[in-house]
C-alpha atoms as a PDB file:
ATOM      1  CA  UNK A   1      -0.275  -0.083   0.147  1.00  0.00           C
ATOM      2  CA  UNK A   2       0.954   3.345  -1.139  1.00  0.00           C
ATOM      3  CA  UNK A   3       1.323   5.607   2.371  1.00  0.00           C
ATOM      4  CA  UNK A   4       0.267   9.215   0.946  1.00  0.00           C
ATOM      5  CA  UNK A   5       2.982  11.978   3.272  1.00  0.00           C
ATOM      6  CA  UNK A   6       0.222  13.729   5.653  1.00  0.00           C
ATOM      7  CA  UNK A   7      -0.274  16.859   5.066  1.00  0.00           C
ATOM      8  CA  UNK A   8      -0.344  19.471   7.129  1.00  0.00           C
ATOM      9  CA  UNK A   9      -3.152  21.217   8.698  1.00  0.00           C
ATOM     10  CA  UNK A  10      -2.432  25.040   7.878  1.00  0.00           C
ATOM     11  CA  UNK A  11      -1.647  24.041   4.806  1.00  0.00           C
ATOM     12  CA  UNK A  12      -5.610  23.611   3.960  1.00  0.00           C
ATOM     13  CA  UNK A  13      -6.917  26.939   6.111  1.00  0.00           C
ATOM     14  CA  UNK A  14      -7.433  29.902   4.873  1.00  0.00           C
ATOM     15  CA  UNK A  15      -4.906  32.628   5.415  1.00  0.00           C
ATOM     16  CA  UNK A  16      -7.119  34.716   7.281  1.00  0.00           C
ATOM     17  CA  UNK A  17      -7.700  32.225   9.408  1.00  0.00           C
ATOM     18  CA  UNK A  18      -3.764  31.381   9.806  1.00  0.00           C
ATOM     19  CA  UNK A  19      -2.855  34.061  12.372  1.00  0.00           C
ATOM     20  CA  UNK A  20      -4.990  33.057  14.597  1.00  0.00           C
ATOM     21  CA  UNK A  21      -3.720  29.846  14.866  1.00  0.00           C
ATOM     22  CA  UNK A  22       0.087  28.253  16.307  1.00  0.00           C
ATOM     23  CA  UNK A  23       2.495  25.104  16.060  1.00  0.00           C
ATOM     24  CA  UNK A  24       1.219  22.628  18.459  1.00  0.00           C
ATOM     25  CA  UNK A  25       3.222  22.238  21.730  1.00  0.00           C
ATOM     26  CA  UNK A  26       2.563  21.540  25.637  1.00  0.00           C
ATOM     27  CA  UNK A  27       3.402  24.357  26.890  1.00  0.00           C
ATOM     28  CA  UNK A  28       0.390  26.866  28.003  1.00  0.00           C
ATOM     29  CA  UNK A  29      -0.347  30.420  26.343  1.00  0.00           C
ATOM     30  CA  UNK A  30      -0.398  33.241  28.675  1.00  0.00           C
ATOM     31  CA  UNK A  31      -2.779  33.652  31.190  1.00  0.00           C
ATOM     32  CA  UNK A  32      -3.696  37.244  31.520  1.00  0.00           C
ATOM     33  CA  UNK A  33      -4.279  39.170  34.983  1.00  0.00           C
ATOM     34  CA  UNK A  34      -8.019  40.009  35.051  1.00  0.00           C
ATOM     35  CA  UNK A  35      -8.338  42.966  36.245  1.00  0.00           C
ATOM     36  CA  UNK A  36     -10.199  42.762  39.848  1.00  0.00           C
ATOM     37  CA  UNK A  37      -7.391  40.220  40.738  1.00  0.00           C
ATOM     38  CA  UNK A  38      -5.179  42.978  40.283  1.00  0.00           C
ATOM     39  CA  UNK A  39      -6.832  45.156  42.151  1.00  0.00           C
ATOM     40  CA  UNK A  40      -6.926  42.889  44.295  1.00  0.00           C
ATOM     41  CA  UNK A  41      -3.035  43.080  44.489  1.00  0.00           C
ATOM     42  CA  UNK A  42      -3.108  47.190  44.220  1.00  0.00           C
ATOM     43  CA  UNK A  43      -5.227  47.719  48.254  1.00  0.00           C
ATOM     44  CA  UNK A  44      -3.459  44.718  50.116  1.00  0.00           C
ATOM     45  CA  UNK A  45      -2.211  45.999  52.621  1.00  0.00           C
ATOM     46  CA  UNK A  46      -3.075  49.015  52.561  1.00  0.00           C
ATOM     47  CA  UNK A  47      -6.578  50.907  54.690  1.00  0.00           C
ATOM     48  CA  UNK A  48      -9.742  50.122  53.094  1.00  0.00           C
ATOM     49  CA  UNK A  49     -10.383  52.778  50.038  1.00  0.00           C
ATOM     50  CA  UNK A  50     -13.022  55.647  51.409  1.00  0.00           C
ATOM     51  CA  UNK A  51     -14.311  56.200  47.888  1.00  0.00           C
ATOM     52  CA  UNK A  52     -16.238  53.443  45.923  1.00  0.00           C
ATOM     53  CA  UNK A  53     -14.414  52.471  43.134  1.00  0.00           C
ATOM     54  CA  UNK A  54     -15.903  52.496  39.358  1.00  0.00           C
ATOM     55  CA  UNK A  55     -15.852  49.946  37.414  1.00  0.00           C
ATOM     56  CA  UNK A  56     -17.386  51.394  34.295  1.00  0.00           C
ATOM     57  CA  UNK A  57     -13.636  52.485  33.396  1.00  0.00           C
ATOM     58  CA  UNK A  58     -11.497  50.142  34.600  1.00  0.00           C
ATOM     59  CA  UNK A  59      -8.077  51.157  32.603  1.00  0.00           C
ATOM     60  CA  UNK A  60      -8.552  53.789  35.431  1.00  0.00           C
ATOM     61  CA  UNK A  61      -7.862  51.798  38.215  1.00  0.00           C
ATOM     62  CA  UNK A  62      -3.731  51.255  37.253  1.00  0.00           C
ATOM     63  CA  UNK A  63      -2.824  54.929  36.680  1.00  0.00           C
ATOM     64  CA  UNK A  64      -3.431  58.137  38.204  1.00  0.00           C
ATOM     65  CA  UNK A  65      -6.363  60.128  36.228  1.00  0.00           C
ATOM     66  CA  UNK A  66      -7.435  62.514  37.949  1.00  0.00           C
ATOM     67  CA  UNK A  67     -11.831  60.647  38.073  1.00  0.00           C
ATOM     68  CA  UNK A  68     -11.081  60.721  34.178  1.00  0.00           C
ATOM     69  CA  UNK A  69     -14.134  58.763  32.596  1.00  0.00           C
ATOM     70  CA  UNK A  70     -14.290  58.210  29.221  1.00  0.00           C
ATOM     71  CA  UNK A  71     -17.688  59.778  27.932  1.00  0.00           C
ATOM     72  CA  UNK A  72     -19.645  59.231  24.741  1.00  0.00           C
ATOM     73  CA  UNK A  73     -21.758  61.110  22.191  1.00  0.00           C
ATOM     74  CA  UNK A  74     -22.948  61.703  18.320  1.00  0.00           C
ATOM     75  CA  UNK A  75     -21.272  62.928  15.302  1.00  0.00           C
ATOM     76  CA  UNK A  76     -23.614  65.552  14.574  1.00  0.00           C
ATOM     77  CA  UNK A  77     -22.769  67.454  11.089  1.00  0.00           C
ATOM     78  CA  UNK A  78     -23.662  70.213   9.602  1.00  0.00           C
ATOM     79  CA  UNK A  79     -24.952  69.831   6.120  1.00  0.00           C
ATOM     80  CA  UNK A  80     -28.700  69.168   5.538  1.00  0.00           C
ATOM     81  CA  UNK A  81     -28.679  65.494   6.143  1.00  0.00           C
ATOM     82  CA  UNK A  82     -28.407  65.564  10.110  1.00  0.00           C
ATOM     83  CA  UNK A  83     -27.901  61.965  10.751  1.00  0.00           C
ATOM     84  CA  UNK A  84     -26.306  61.039  14.071  1.00  0.00           C
ATOM     85  CA  UNK A  85     -22.775  58.756  14.436  1.00  0.00           C
ATOM     86  CA  UNK A  86     -21.513  57.243  17.520  1.00  0.00           C
ATOM     87  CA  UNK A  87     -18.683  58.171  18.714  1.00  0.00           C
ATOM     88  CA  UNK A  88     -16.929  58.805  22.862  1.00  0.00           C
ATOM     89  CA  UNK A  89     -14.422  60.117  24.262  1.00  0.00           C
ATOM     90  CA  UNK A  90     -10.866  59.018  25.483  1.00  0.00           C
ATOM     91  CA  UNK A  91      -9.428  60.586  28.996  1.00  0.00           C
ATOM     92  CA  UNK A  92      -5.971  62.198  27.303  1.00  0.00           C
ATOM     93  CA  UNK A  93      -3.303  59.775  28.759  1.00  0.00           C
ATOM     94  CA  UNK A  94       0.283  59.812  28.362  1.00  0.00           C
ATOM     95  CA  UNK A  95       2.851  57.240  29.666  1.00  0.00           C
ATOM     96  CA  UNK A  96       5.030  59.093  31.959  1.00  0.00           C
ATOM     97  CA  UNK A  97       7.761  58.802  34.690  1.00  0.00           C
ATOM     98  CA  UNK A  98       7.408  60.566  38.038  1.00  0.00           C
ATOM     99  CA  UNK A  99      10.203  61.038  41.048  1.00  0.00           C
ATOM    100  CA  UNK A 100       8.049  60.803  44.615  1.00  0.00           C
ATOM    101  CA  UNK A 101      11.373  62.394  46.749  1.00  0.00           C
ATOM    102  CA  UNK A 102       9.571  60.337  49.309  1.00  0.00           C
ATOM    103  CA  UNK A 103      10.646  57.048  48.368  1.00  0.00           C
ATOM    104  CA  UNK A 104      13.912  58.516  45.863  1.00  0.00           C
ATOM    105  CA  UNK A 105      12.319  56.384  42.825  1.00  0.00           C
ATOM    106  CA  UNK A 106      11.009  56.814  39.658  1.00  0.00           C
ATOM    107  CA  UNK A 107       7.444  55.454  39.256  1.00  0.00           C
ATOM    108  CA  UNK A 108       6.301  55.009  35.449  1.00  0.00           C
ATOM    109  CA  UNK A 109       2.262  56.090  35.553  1.00  0.00           C
ATOM    110  CA  UNK A 110      -0.193  56.632  33.357  1.00  0.00           C
ATOM    111  CA  UNK A 111      -1.177  59.489  33.707  1.00  0.00           C
ATOM    112  CA  UNK A 112      -3.408  62.628  32.516  1.00  0.00           C
ATOM    113  CA  UNK A 113      -2.351  65.326  31.366  1.00  0.00           C
ATOM    114  CA  UNK A 114      -4.422  67.315  33.950  1.00  0.00           C
ATOM    115  CA  UNK A 115      -3.153  65.427  36.780  1.00  0.00           C
ATOM    116  CA  UNK A 116       0.687  66.541  35.325  1.00  0.00           C
ATOM    117  CA  UNK A 117      -0.419  69.826  35.503  1.00  0.00           C
ATOM    118  CA  UNK A 118      -1.583  69.703  38.811  1.00  0.00           C
ATOM    119  CA  UNK A 119       1.858  68.197  40.247  1.00  0.00           C
ATOM    120  CA  UNK A 120       3.535  71.053  38.945  1.00  0.00           C
ATOM    121  CA  UNK A 121       1.370  73.371  40.524  1.00  0.00           C
ATOM    122  CA  UNK A 122       1.420  71.645  43.628  1.00  0.00           C
ATOM    123  CA  UNK A 123       5.592  70.882  43.383  1.00  0.00           C
ATOM    124  CA  UNK A 124       5.344  67.651  42.521  1.00  0.00           C
ATOM    125  CA  UNK A 125       4.391  63.818  43.570  1.00  0.00           C
ATOM    126  CA  UNK A 126       4.765  63.816  47.094  1.00  0.00           C
ATOM    127  CA  UNK A 127       2.322  66.823  47.443  1.00  0.00           C
ATOM    128  CA  UNK A 128      -0.334  65.749  45.433  1.00  0.00           C
ATOM    129  CA  UNK A 129      -0.758  62.070  47.026  1.00  0.00           C
ATOM    130  CA  UNK A 130      -0.018  63.541  50.326  1.00  0.00           C
ATOM    131  CA  UNK A 131      -3.381  66.491  49.572  1.00  0.00           C
ATOM    132  CA  UNK A 132      -5.659  66.503  52.521  1.00  0.00           C
ATOM    133  CA  UNK A 133      -9.642  67.479  50.956  1.00  0.00           C
ATOM    134  CA  UNK A 134     -11.917  64.733  50.260  1.00  0.00           C
ATOM    135  CA  UNK A 135     -11.761  65.887  45.822  1.00  0.00           C
ATOM    136  CA  UNK A 136      -7.606  64.494  46.024  1.00  0.00           C
ATOM    137  CA  UNK A 137      -8.278  61.509  47.538  1.00  0.00           C
ATOM    138  CA  UNK A 138     -11.590  61.175  45.354  1.00  0.00           C
ATOM    139  CA  UNK A 139      -8.904  61.443  42.597  1.00  0.00           C
ATOM    140  CA  UNK A 140      -6.590  59.637  43.475  1.00  0.00           C
ATOM    141  CA  UNK A 141      -8.029  56.194  42.767  1.00  0.00           C
ATOM    142  CA  UNK A 142      -6.814  52.633  43.825  1.00  0.00           C
ATOM    143  CA  UNK A 143      -2.985  53.517  42.893  1.00  0.00           C
ATOM    144  CA  UNK A 144      -2.484  57.198  43.797  1.00  0.00           C
ATOM    145  CA  UNK A 145      -3.997  55.833  47.188  1.00  0.00           C
ATOM    146  CA  UNK A 146      -1.356  52.692  47.541  1.00  0.00           C
ATOM    147  CA  UNK A 147       1.460  55.581  46.575  1.00  0.00           C
ATOM    148  CA  UNK A 148       0.169  57.619  48.751  1.00  0.00           C
ATOM    149  CA  UNK A 149       0.444  54.827  51.607  1.00  0.00           C
ATOM    150  CA  UNK A 150       4.071  53.884  50.329  1.00  0.00           C
ATOM    151  CA  UNK A 151       4.050  57.915  51.064  1.00  0.00           C
ATOM    152  CA  UNK A 152       2.958  58.041  54.119  1.00  0.00           C
ATOM    153  CA  UNK A 153       4.949  55.544  55.933  1.00  0.00           C
ATOM    154  CA  UNK A 154       7.925  56.632  54.272  1.00  0.00           C
ATOM    155  CA  UNK A 155      10.917  57.367  56.936  1.00  0.00           C
ATOM    156  CA  UNK A 156      12.186  60.732  54.501  1.00  0.00           C
ATOM    157  CA  UNK A 157       8.192  61.891  55.109  1.00  0.00           C
ATOM    158  CA  UNK A 158       8.263  61.625  58.497  1.00  0.00           C
ATOM    159  CA  UNK A 159      11.673  63.295  58.682  1.00  0.00           C
ATOM    160  CA  UNK A 160       9.957  66.004  57.283  1.00  0.00           C
ATOM    161  CA  UNK A 161       6.706  66.267  59.663  1.00  0.00           C
ATOM    162  CA  UNK A 162       8.946  66.112  62.974  1.00  0.00           C
ATOM    163  CA  UNK A 163      11.274  69.062  61.348  1.00  0.00           C
ATOM    164  CA  UNK A 164       7.602  71.061  60.635  1.00  0.00           C
ATOM    165  CA  UNK A 165       6.221  69.867  64.123  1.00  0.00           C
ATOM    166  CA  UNK A 166       9.674  71.261  65.602  1.00  0.00           C
ATOM    167  CA  UNK A 167       9.270  74.636  63.629  1.00  0.00           C
ATOM    168  CA  UNK A 168       6.436  74.983  65.207  1.00  0.00           C
ATOM    169  CA  UNK A 169       7.503  74.211  68.558  1.00  0.00           C
ATOM    170  CA  UNK A 170       5.024  71.463  68.771  1.00  0.00           C
ATOM    171  CA  UNK A 171       5.550  68.281  71.249  1.00  0.00           C
ATOM    172  CA  UNK A 172       5.007  65.120  69.120  1.00  0.00           C
ATOM    173  CA  UNK A 173       1.693  64.219  69.475  1.00  0.00           C
ATOM    174  CA  UNK A 174       0.558  67.435  70.042  1.00  0.00           C
ATOM    175  CA  UNK A 175      -1.371  68.784  67.599  1.00  0.00           C
ATOM    176  CA  UNK A 176      -1.886  72.624  66.894  1.00  0.00           C
ATOM    177  CA  UNK A 177      -4.292  74.860  68.230  1.00  0.00           C
ATOM    178  CA  UNK A 178      -5.912  77.715  65.905  1.00  0.00           C
ATOM    179  CA  UNK A 179      -7.018  80.947  66.519  1.00  0.00           C
ATOM    180  CA  UNK A 180     -10.430  80.268  66.940  1.00  0.00           C
ATOM    181  CA  UNK A 181     -10.231  77.474  68.540  1.00  0.00           C
ATOM    182  CA  UNK A 182      -8.410  78.465  71.281  1.00  0.00           C
ATOM    183  CA  UNK A 183     -10.016  81.518  72.293  1.00  0.00           C
ATOM    184  CA  UNK A 184     -13.468  78.756  72.595  1.00  0.00           C
ATOM    185  CA  UNK A 185     -12.196  76.675  74.429  1.00  0.00           C
ATOM    186  CA  UNK A 186     -10.240  78.885  77.141  1.00  0.00           C
ATOM    187  CA  UNK A 187     -12.292  78.777  80.500  1.00  0.00           C
ATOM    188  CA  UNK A 188     -13.054  82.000  81.340  1.00  0.00           C
ATOM    189  CA  UNK A 189     -11.458  84.104  84.204  1.00  0.00           C
ATOM    190  CA  UNK A 190     -12.727  86.614  85.999  1.00  0.00           C
ATOM    191  CA  UNK A 191     -10.690  89.684  86.049  1.00  0.00           C
ATOM    192  CA  UNK A 192      -9.415  92.085  89.325  1.00  0.00           C
ATOM    193  CA  UNK A 193     -12.560  94.322  88.248  1.00  0.00           C
ATOM    194  CA  UNK A 194     -15.583  91.931  88.663  1.00  0.00           C
ATOM    195  CA  UNK A 195     -13.972  89.142  91.472  1.00  0.00           C
ATOM    196  CA  UNK A 196     -14.266  93.216  92.909  1.00  0.00           C
ATOM    197  CA  UNK A 197     -18.183  93.576  92.614  1.00  0.00           C
ATOM    198  CA  UNK A 198     -18.762  90.497  93.373  1.00  0.00           C
ATOM    199  CA  UNK A 199     -17.274  90.525  97.068  1.00  0.00           C
ATOM    200  CA  UNK A 200     -18.492  93.894  97.446  1.00  0.00           C
ATOM    201  CA  UNK A 201     -22.695  92.210  97.237  1.00  0.00           C
ATOM    202  CA  UNK A 202     -22.224  89.168  99.113  1.00  0.00           C
ATOM    203  CA  UNK A 203     -20.475  91.478 101.854  1.00  0.00           C
ATOM    204  CA  UNK A 204     -23.181  93.679 101.224  1.00  0.00           C
ATOM    205  CA  UNK A 205     -26.255  90.363 101.557  1.00  0.00           C
ATOM    206  CA  UNK A 206     -24.261  88.794 105.357  1.00  0.00           C
ATOM    207  CA  UNK A 207     -24.892  92.841 106.120  1.00  0.00           C
ATOM    208  CA  UNK A 208     -28.483  92.494 106.537  1.00  0.00           C
ATOM    209  CA  UNK A 209     -28.848  94.406 103.556  1.00  0.00           C
ATOM    210  CA  UNK A 210     -32.174  93.780 101.393  1.00  0.00           C
ATOM    211  CA  UNK A 211     -31.496  93.283  98.167  1.00  0.00           C
ATOM    212  CA  UNK A 212     -33.596  94.835  95.376  1.00  0.00           C
ATOM    213  CA  UNK A 213     -36.765  92.453  94.747  1.00  0.00           C
ATOM    214  CA  UNK A 214     -35.947  90.495  91.331  1.00  0.00           C
ATOM    215  CA  UNK A 215     -37.840  91.322  87.770  1.00  0.00           C
ATOM    216  CA  UNK A 216     -38.614  88.517  85.129  1.00  0.00           C
ATOM    217  CA  UNK A 217     -37.883  89.878  81.806  1.00  0.00           C
ATOM    218  CA  UNK A 218     -39.996  87.862  79.267  1.00  0.00           C
ATOM    219  CA  UNK A 219     -37.246  87.399  76.523  1.00  0.00           C
ATOM    220  CA  UNK A 220     -38.690  89.305  72.889  1.00  0.00           C
ATOM    221  CA  UNK A 221     -39.878  85.963  70.808  1.00  0.00           C
ATOM    222  CA  UNK A 222     -37.228  85.677  67.327  1.00  0.00           C
ATOM    223  CA  UNK A 223     -38.483  86.624  64.516  1.00  0.00           C
ATOM    224  CA  UNK A 224     -36.919  85.559  61.145  1.00  0.00           C
ATOM    225  CA  UNK A 225     -34.768  88.643  58.944  1.00  0.00           C
ATOM    226  CA  UNK A 226     -37.356  89.236  56.277  1.00  0.00           C
ATOM    227  CA  UNK A 227     -35.082  89.507  52.826  1.00  0.00           C
ATOM    228  CA  UNK A 228     -35.589  92.553  50.556  1.00  0.00           C
ATOM    229  CA  UNK A 229     -38.215  91.341  48.890  1.00  0.00           C
ATOM    230  CA  UNK A 230     -40.249  90.282  51.880  1.00  0.00           C
ATOM    231  CA  UNK A 231     -39.853  93.407  53.146  1.00  0.00           C
ATOM    232  CA  UNK A 232     -40.990  95.098  50.008  1.00  0.00           C
ATOM    233  CA  UNK A 233     -44.154  92.741  49.695  1.00  0.00           C
ATOM    234  CA  UNK A 234     -45.122  93.728  53.716  1.00  0.00           C
ATOM    235  CA  UNK A 235     -45.209  97.201  53.237  1.00  0.00           C
ATOM    236  CA  UNK A 236     -47.009  96.871  50.058  1.00  0.00           C
ATOM    237  CA  UNK A 237     -50.324  95.188  51.679  1.00  0.00           C
ATOM    238  CA  UNK A 238     -49.468  97.514  54.238  1.00  0.00           C
ATOM    239  CA  UNK A 239     -49.741 101.013  52.453  1.00  0.00           C
ATOM    240  CA  UNK A 240     -53.048  98.769  50.146  1.00  0.00           C
ATOM    241  CA  UNK A 241     -54.883  97.946  54.067  1.00  0.00           C
ATOM    242  CA  UNK A 242     -54.849 101.714  54.330  1.00  0.00           C
ATOM    243  CA  UNK A 243     -55.914 102.828  51.415  1.00  0.00           C
ATOM    244  CA  UNK A 244     -58.387 100.246  51.740  1.00  0.00           C
ATOM    245  CA  UNK A 245     -59.198 101.748  55.832  1.00  0.00           C
ATOM    246  CA  UNK A 246     -58.988 105.222  54.377  1.00  0.00           C
ATOM    247  CA  UNK A 247     -61.530 104.054  51.077  1.00  0.00           C
ATOM    248  CA  UNK A 248     -64.044 102.605  54.205  1.00  0.00           C
ATOM    249  CA  UNK A 249     -64.310 105.540  55.809  1.00  0.00           C
ATOM    250  CA  UNK A 250     -64.875 107.700  52.806  1.00  0.00           C
ATOM    251  CA  UNK A 251     -67.598 106.071  52.588  1.00  0.00           C
END
C-alpha cells in the first residue's frame, strides 16, 4: 500500500485564519491576569479606600487619571442630512515617569495631562499624593491610594513632619491649636474688677442689706429676618390696607 505523506492542517486553512493558530507544543498560553485580581493586589496591605471605585472604566484603576472617565456622544454634521453617528472621547492619557522625593525612586505611570499640571502646580508627586481634601482623595484612585500610603509611611516623609513640628514649637503627638479654637475652648477667668463687684455683693448680703426684688423680664421672641423682597411685599400690603381703610371711612 502506498501511504500518502501527511499534509499539515495549516496549509488547508484560509490565509485570514492562519493568524489565529500556532504550532502544537505542550506549554500553555500566557494567562492574562484579570482586572479584579490586579485591583486586589494593589489594595492589599493598605487601608480600605474610603470612596467607591468605578467599575465602568477599569483602566483608570492602574494609573493617575484624576477622576477622568470615558465619555460617549454623537457626531452631528452641519449639512442638510442631519444624521448622527455614535462616538466616544477618551481621556488625554500620557505614559510618564514621575519622581517621588520621599521614596527616592521613579514611577512609570499612565497619567492624564490634567494630573500632570496639578503635580507641577503643587510642587511634586509627594505633595499631590498627600493632599487632605476629599476631592483630592476621590481622584487618586486605587493606584494613587497605594502610593499615598507608601509616601506617608516613608522615613523621609516622617522626618519632614518632625521638622515642621519643631518649627511650629509642637511636641510629639501634639496637635496645633488655631486662634478661633483657643478662644472658644479657653475657660472664662474673672478679672479683678468683676471679682471685686462680686465680693461687695456678698458683703452686702451678710450685713443684712435688703436685696431688691427680682424682676423677671421675658426674653423677646426671635423673629426671622425678612429678605428685601419680603419686606417690600409687606410694605405694599400695609399701604393697600391703609388705602382700603381710608376709602371705607370716606364712604
